[in-house]
N, C-alpha and C. Protein backbone atom coordinates (compact mmCIF):
# COMPACT_ATOMS: atom_id res chain seq x y z
N TRP A 1 -53.51 0.17 24.74
CA TRP A 1 -54.47 0.98 25.47
C TRP A 1 -53.92 1.32 26.85
N SER A 2 -52.77 1.96 26.87
CA SER A 2 -52.08 2.22 28.11
C SER A 2 -52.52 3.54 28.76
N GLU A 3 -53.03 3.44 29.97
CA GLU A 3 -53.39 4.63 30.73
C GLU A 3 -52.15 5.46 31.04
N ASP A 4 -51.04 4.79 31.36
CA ASP A 4 -49.80 5.51 31.65
C ASP A 4 -49.34 6.33 30.44
N ARG A 5 -49.41 5.74 29.26
CA ARG A 5 -48.99 6.46 28.05
C ARG A 5 -49.93 7.63 27.77
N PHE A 6 -51.22 7.44 27.97
CA PHE A 6 -52.19 8.51 27.78
C PHE A 6 -51.89 9.67 28.72
N ASN A 7 -51.63 9.37 30.00
CA ASN A 7 -51.31 10.41 30.97
C ASN A 7 -50.01 11.13 30.62
N GLU A 8 -49.05 10.40 30.10
CA GLU A 8 -47.79 11.01 29.66
C GLU A 8 -48.04 11.99 28.50
N ILE A 9 -48.88 11.61 27.58
CA ILE A 9 -49.22 12.48 26.45
C ILE A 9 -49.95 13.72 26.93
N ILE A 10 -50.88 13.57 27.87
CA ILE A 10 -51.58 14.72 28.42
C ILE A 10 -50.59 15.69 29.06
N LYS A 11 -49.66 15.17 29.83
CA LYS A 11 -48.67 16.01 30.51
C LYS A 11 -47.83 16.79 29.50
N GLU A 12 -47.30 16.11 28.49
CA GLU A 12 -46.46 16.76 27.48
C GLU A 12 -47.26 17.77 26.66
N THR A 13 -48.46 17.40 26.27
CA THR A 13 -49.29 18.28 25.46
C THR A 13 -49.73 19.51 26.27
N SER A 14 -50.06 19.32 27.54
CA SER A 14 -50.46 20.43 28.39
C SER A 14 -49.35 21.46 28.52
N THR A 15 -48.11 21.00 28.63
CA THR A 15 -46.97 21.91 28.71
C THR A 15 -46.89 22.76 27.44
N PHE A 16 -47.04 22.13 26.29
CA PHE A 16 -47.01 22.85 25.02
C PHE A 16 -48.18 23.83 24.92
N ILE A 17 -49.37 23.40 25.31
CA ILE A 17 -50.56 24.24 25.24
C ILE A 17 -50.36 25.50 26.07
N LYS A 18 -49.78 25.36 27.27
CA LYS A 18 -49.49 26.52 28.12
C LYS A 18 -48.51 27.47 27.44
N LYS A 19 -47.48 26.91 26.82
CA LYS A 19 -46.45 27.73 26.16
C LYS A 19 -47.02 28.60 25.04
N VAL A 20 -48.03 28.11 24.36
CA VAL A 20 -48.61 28.88 23.26
C VAL A 20 -49.79 29.74 23.70
N GLY A 21 -50.04 29.78 25.01
CA GLY A 21 -51.02 30.72 25.55
C GLY A 21 -52.43 30.22 25.79
N TYR A 22 -52.61 28.92 25.80
CA TYR A 22 -53.94 28.37 26.06
C TYR A 22 -53.98 27.70 27.42
N ASN A 23 -55.18 27.52 27.93
CA ASN A 23 -55.39 26.86 29.22
C ASN A 23 -55.67 25.38 28.97
N PRO A 24 -54.79 24.48 29.45
CA PRO A 24 -55.03 23.05 29.24
C PRO A 24 -56.33 22.54 29.86
N LYS A 25 -56.84 23.26 30.86
CA LYS A 25 -58.11 22.85 31.48
C LYS A 25 -59.29 23.09 30.55
N ALA A 26 -59.06 23.84 29.47
CA ALA A 26 -60.11 24.12 28.50
C ALA A 26 -60.03 23.17 27.30
N VAL A 27 -59.21 22.13 27.43
CA VAL A 27 -59.02 21.17 26.34
C VAL A 27 -59.52 19.79 26.76
N ALA A 28 -60.29 19.15 25.91
CA ALA A 28 -60.75 17.78 26.18
C ALA A 28 -59.73 16.80 25.62
N PHE A 29 -59.11 16.02 26.49
CA PHE A 29 -58.16 14.99 26.06
C PHE A 29 -58.90 13.66 25.97
N VAL A 30 -58.89 13.07 24.78
CA VAL A 30 -59.64 11.84 24.53
C VAL A 30 -58.71 10.79 23.92
N PRO A 31 -58.55 9.63 24.58
CA PRO A 31 -57.77 8.56 23.96
C PRO A 31 -58.62 7.88 22.88
N ILE A 32 -58.12 7.89 21.66
CA ILE A 32 -58.90 7.31 20.56
C ILE A 32 -58.05 6.33 19.75
N SER A 33 -58.72 5.51 19.00
CA SER A 33 -58.09 4.72 17.95
C SER A 33 -58.93 4.91 16.70
N GLY A 34 -58.39 5.66 15.76
CA GLY A 34 -59.10 5.85 14.50
C GLY A 34 -59.19 4.55 13.71
N TRP A 35 -58.20 3.69 13.90
CA TRP A 35 -58.17 2.42 13.18
C TRP A 35 -59.32 1.51 13.62
N HIS A 36 -59.55 1.48 14.94
CA HIS A 36 -60.60 0.61 15.49
C HIS A 36 -61.89 1.37 15.82
N GLY A 37 -61.83 2.70 15.80
CA GLY A 37 -63.01 3.50 16.12
C GLY A 37 -63.24 3.69 17.60
N ASP A 38 -62.25 3.35 18.42
CA ASP A 38 -62.42 3.45 19.87
C ASP A 38 -62.54 4.91 20.32
N ASN A 39 -63.59 5.19 21.08
CA ASN A 39 -63.88 6.50 21.66
C ASN A 39 -64.06 7.60 20.61
N MET A 40 -64.33 7.22 19.40
CA MET A 40 -64.58 8.23 18.37
C MET A 40 -66.05 8.67 18.42
N LEU A 41 -66.95 7.73 18.24
CA LEU A 41 -68.38 8.04 18.28
C LEU A 41 -69.06 7.45 19.50
N GLU A 42 -68.54 6.31 19.95
CA GLU A 42 -69.11 5.61 21.11
C GLU A 42 -68.00 5.25 22.08
N GLU A 43 -68.36 5.12 23.34
CA GLU A 43 -67.40 4.73 24.38
C GLU A 43 -66.81 3.35 24.05
N SER A 44 -65.50 3.21 24.26
CA SER A 44 -64.81 1.97 23.93
C SER A 44 -64.75 1.02 25.12
N ALA A 45 -64.93 -0.26 24.85
CA ALA A 45 -64.76 -1.29 25.88
C ALA A 45 -63.29 -1.65 26.05
N ASN A 46 -62.42 -1.18 25.15
CA ASN A 46 -60.99 -1.49 25.22
C ASN A 46 -60.22 -0.64 26.21
N MET A 47 -60.84 0.42 26.72
CA MET A 47 -60.16 1.33 27.65
C MET A 47 -61.02 1.49 28.90
N THR A 48 -61.16 0.43 29.65
CA THR A 48 -62.03 0.47 30.84
C THR A 48 -61.54 1.46 31.88
N TRP A 49 -60.26 1.80 31.85
CA TRP A 49 -59.70 2.77 32.79
C TRP A 49 -60.14 4.19 32.47
N TYR A 50 -60.57 4.47 31.26
CA TYR A 50 -60.94 5.82 30.84
C TYR A 50 -62.36 6.13 31.27
N LYS A 51 -62.51 7.16 32.10
CA LYS A 51 -63.82 7.52 32.65
C LYS A 51 -64.42 8.75 31.98
N GLY A 52 -63.72 9.32 31.01
CA GLY A 52 -64.25 10.48 30.30
C GLY A 52 -63.39 11.71 30.51
N TRP A 53 -63.71 12.77 29.79
CA TRP A 53 -62.96 14.01 29.88
C TRP A 53 -63.81 15.09 30.53
N THR A 54 -63.13 16.09 31.06
CA THR A 54 -63.76 17.27 31.65
C THR A 54 -62.99 18.48 31.17
N LYS A 55 -63.70 19.54 30.81
CA LYS A 55 -63.01 20.77 30.42
C LYS A 55 -63.79 21.97 30.92
N GLU A 56 -63.06 23.06 31.13
CA GLU A 56 -63.66 24.30 31.59
C GLU A 56 -64.04 25.15 30.39
N THR A 57 -65.24 25.73 30.45
CA THR A 57 -65.69 26.64 29.40
C THR A 57 -66.21 27.91 30.06
N LYS A 58 -66.55 28.90 29.25
CA LYS A 58 -67.13 30.14 29.79
C LYS A 58 -68.44 29.86 30.51
N GLY A 59 -69.16 28.86 30.05
CA GLY A 59 -70.45 28.51 30.63
C GLY A 59 -70.38 27.55 31.80
N GLY A 60 -69.19 27.08 32.15
CA GLY A 60 -69.02 26.13 33.25
C GLY A 60 -68.21 24.92 32.82
N VAL A 61 -68.37 23.84 33.56
CA VAL A 61 -67.62 22.62 33.28
C VAL A 61 -68.44 21.73 32.36
N VAL A 62 -67.78 21.19 31.35
CA VAL A 62 -68.42 20.30 30.38
C VAL A 62 -67.74 18.94 30.47
N LYS A 63 -68.53 17.87 30.37
CA LYS A 63 -68.00 16.51 30.45
C LYS A 63 -68.45 15.70 29.25
N GLY A 64 -67.66 14.70 28.92
CA GLY A 64 -68.01 13.80 27.83
C GLY A 64 -67.10 12.59 27.83
N LYS A 65 -67.28 11.71 26.87
CA LYS A 65 -66.47 10.49 26.81
C LYS A 65 -65.82 10.27 25.45
N THR A 66 -66.40 10.80 24.39
CA THR A 66 -65.90 10.49 23.05
C THR A 66 -65.36 11.72 22.34
N LEU A 67 -64.70 11.48 21.22
CA LEU A 67 -64.22 12.58 20.38
C LEU A 67 -65.40 13.39 19.86
N LEU A 68 -66.49 12.73 19.50
CA LEU A 68 -67.68 13.43 19.03
C LEU A 68 -68.21 14.36 20.11
N ASP A 69 -68.24 13.90 21.36
CA ASP A 69 -68.66 14.75 22.48
C ASP A 69 -67.76 15.98 22.58
N ALA A 70 -66.45 15.77 22.44
CA ALA A 70 -65.49 16.87 22.54
C ALA A 70 -65.70 17.88 21.41
N ILE A 71 -65.95 17.39 20.21
CA ILE A 71 -66.20 18.29 19.08
C ILE A 71 -67.48 19.07 19.31
N ASP A 72 -68.52 18.40 19.78
CA ASP A 72 -69.79 19.06 20.05
C ASP A 72 -69.67 20.11 21.16
N ALA A 73 -68.68 19.97 22.04
CA ALA A 73 -68.50 20.89 23.16
C ALA A 73 -67.64 22.11 22.82
N ILE A 74 -67.14 22.19 21.59
CA ILE A 74 -66.34 23.35 21.19
C ILE A 74 -67.26 24.56 21.09
N GLU A 75 -66.85 25.65 21.77
CA GLU A 75 -67.64 26.87 21.74
C GLU A 75 -67.27 27.69 20.51
N PRO A 76 -68.26 28.21 19.80
CA PRO A 76 -67.94 29.05 18.65
C PRO A 76 -67.25 30.34 19.10
N PRO A 77 -66.41 30.90 18.25
CA PRO A 77 -65.70 32.14 18.63
C PRO A 77 -66.64 33.32 18.77
């Protein structure tokens, strides 16, 4: 549950997202463990350093903590 590794992944992924024409600020980055269910449906106690995600949308700034929150925040085309 490394915060440093999570930040490294965000940095690398953001670079790729920019290259393909998307705004990384419009993406919710969520550290999850599918194996343990961490941050999938409920906030995980295993990542106390994680305070949640923020992303920009047409309607303003949206915040959440879990993958479910991020999925619910996807705007339809």
